[in-house]
Amino acid sequence: MARVTRGHLVKPTVSKPNRTTFIALVVLDDAIRNLQAVGPLKQPQHGVRLALAYLYSTCLSKNRDPFDTLWLTLLGRDRQPPDFRVTWAGTQFARICQDIGVRQDIELGEAMARLRTDKPATSS
């Protein structure tokens, strides 16, 4: 059952999102990691835009703010100082998780890390 938080309708929190939602979250997490390692993203970033659009479509609150803010932060077009940008992006990621009903916990972090370390099978 949906609940109201900060005046917005949000989904109940689940610990394990569906596969598509999980992959979209990994794309955003990777973009935040790249922001930290390389700096602001260069357009076009179709994967990031698709992930944001998909996650927004699953959000009951229809509050675009964390999605738009994360996009601007990843591009370096926000009002945050560069040293604070990664933290601010992480805050928006947490807001998106809350709005789509995904619990941002150790299990989610470990699953994203496992996906990053899995190497595709090579044919010999």
Protein backbone atom coordinates (compact mmCIF):
# COMPACT_ATOMS: atom_id res chain seq x y z
CA MET A 1 0.00 0.00 0.00
CA ALA A 2 1.30 3.48 -0.87
CA ARG A 3 1.94 6.04 1.84
CA VAL A 4 2.32 9.82 1.95
CA THR A 5 5.72 11.31 2.82
CA ARG A 6 6.47 15.04 2.71
CA GLY A 7 3.15 15.56 0.96
CA HIS A 8 4.01 13.05 -1.81
CA LEU A 9 2.60 9.60 -2.43
CA VAL A 10 5.42 7.01 -2.25
CA LYS A 11 5.57 3.28 -2.79
CA PRO A 12 6.09 0.91 0.11
CA THR A 13 9.78 0.18 0.60
CA VAL A 14 11.08 -3.13 -0.75
CA SER A 15 14.51 -4.57 -0.16
CA LYS A 16 14.90 -6.21 -3.57
CA PRO A 17 13.86 -4.20 -6.65
CA ASN A 18 12.95 -5.86 -9.95
CA ARG A 19 15.79 -6.43 -12.42
CA THR A 20 15.07 -3.38 -14.62
CA THR A 21 14.87 -1.06 -11.63
CA PHE A 22 18.06 -2.55 -10.22
CA ILE A 23 19.97 -2.01 -13.48
CA ALA A 24 18.70 1.59 -13.70
CA LEU A 25 19.97 2.20 -10.14
CA VAL A 26 23.35 0.69 -11.06
CA VAL A 27 23.59 3.06 -14.05
CA LEU A 28 22.97 6.04 -11.75
CA ASP A 29 25.41 4.76 -9.14
CA ASP A 30 28.07 4.32 -11.84
CA ALA A 31 27.45 7.87 -13.04
CA ILE A 32 27.96 9.16 -9.49
CA ARG A 33 31.20 7.14 -9.20
CA ASN A 34 32.38 8.63 -12.52
CA LEU A 35 31.53 12.09 -11.24
CA GLN A 36 33.86 11.43 -8.33
CA ALA A 37 36.67 9.91 -10.42
CA VAL A 38 36.55 11.95 -13.63
CA GLY A 39 34.33 14.96 -12.98
CA PRO A 40 31.06 16.10 -14.57
CA LEU A 41 29.60 13.92 -17.32
CA LYS A 42 29.73 15.01 -20.92
CA GLN A 43 26.51 14.95 -22.92
CA PRO A 44 24.98 12.93 -24.42
CA GLN A 45 24.54 10.35 -21.67
CA HIS A 46 21.68 8.31 -23.07
CA GLY A 47 22.00 5.48 -20.53
CA VAL A 48 21.81 7.88 -17.59
CA ARG A 49 18.90 9.76 -19.12
CA LEU A 50 17.03 6.51 -19.81
CA ALA A 51 17.66 5.27 -16.26
CA LEU A 52 16.33 8.53 -14.80
CA ALA A 53 13.27 8.47 -17.08
CA TYR A 54 12.49 4.85 -16.27
CA LEU A 55 12.84 5.36 -12.52
CA TYR A 56 10.69 8.50 -12.68
CA SER A 57 8.00 6.50 -14.50
CA THR A 58 7.87 4.07 -11.56
CA CYS A 59 7.63 6.84 -8.96
CA LEU A 60 4.16 7.39 -7.50
CA SER A 61 4.89 10.87 -6.14
CA LYS A 62 5.69 12.31 -9.59
CA ASN A 63 8.09 14.65 -7.82
CA ARG A 64 10.71 15.40 -10.48
CA ASP A 65 13.01 17.37 -8.21
CA PRO A 66 15.47 14.61 -7.19
CA PHE A 67 15.65 13.35 -10.79
CA ASP A 68 16.27 16.80 -12.30
CA THR A 69 18.67 17.76 -9.51
CA LEU A 70 20.71 14.58 -9.95
CA TRP A 71 20.92 15.16 -13.73
CA LEU A 72 22.14 18.74 -13.28
CA THR A 73 24.59 17.65 -10.58
CA LEU A 74 26.04 14.89 -12.78
CA LEU A 75 26.54 17.45 -15.57
CA GLY A 76 28.13 19.97 -13.18
CA ARG A 77 25.35 22.49 -13.81
CA ASP A 78 24.12 22.63 -10.23
CA ARG A 79 24.83 25.28 -7.63
CA GLN A 80 26.94 23.01 -5.44
CA PRO A 81 30.68 23.54 -4.98
CA PRO A 82 32.66 20.89 -6.90
CA ASP A 83 33.94 19.33 -3.66
CA PHE A 84 30.36 18.78 -2.46
CA ARG A 85 28.93 17.57 -5.78
CA VAL A 86 29.37 13.82 -5.19
CA THR A 87 27.75 14.05 -1.76
CA TRP A 88 24.84 16.01 -3.23
CA ALA A 89 24.46 13.44 -6.03
CA GLY A 90 24.38 10.68 -3.40
CA THR A 91 21.67 12.56 -1.54
CA GLN A 92 19.55 12.74 -4.70
CA PHE A 93 20.16 9.02 -5.33
CA ALA A 94 18.83 8.30 -1.82
CA ARG A 95 15.76 10.46 -2.49
CA ILE A 96 15.12 8.60 -5.75
CA CYS A 97 15.41 5.25 -3.95
CA GLN A 98 12.90 6.44 -1.37
CA ASP A 99 10.50 7.78 -4.02
CA ILE A 100 10.52 4.53 -6.01
CA GLY A 101 10.20 2.42 -2.87
CA VAL A 102 13.63 0.76 -2.86
CA ARG A 103 15.43 0.42 0.45
CA GLN A 104 18.95 1.78 0.10
CA ASP A 105 20.70 -0.64 2.41
CA ILE A 106 23.80 -2.81 2.61
CA GLU A 107 22.15 -5.55 0.52
CA LEU A 108 21.52 -3.13 -2.36
CA GLY A 109 25.08 -1.81 -2.16
CA GLU A 110 26.53 -5.32 -2.11
CA ALA A 111 24.37 -6.39 -5.08
CA MET A 112 25.54 -3.36 -7.08
CA ALA A 113 29.17 -4.13 -6.17
CA ARG A 114 28.74 -7.78 -7.23
CA LEU A 115 27.33 -6.69 -10.57
CA ARG A 116 30.33 -4.41 -11.13
CA THR A 117 32.84 -7.16 -10.34
CA ASP A 118 31.15 -9.86 -12.45
CA LYS A 119 33.14 -10.31 -15.61
CA PRO A 120 31.33 -11.40 -18.75
CA ALA A 121 32.25 -14.88 -19.89
CA THR A 122 34.81 -14.85 -22.68
CA SER A 123 34.60 -17.36 -25.48
CA SER A 124 37.84 -19.18 -26.19
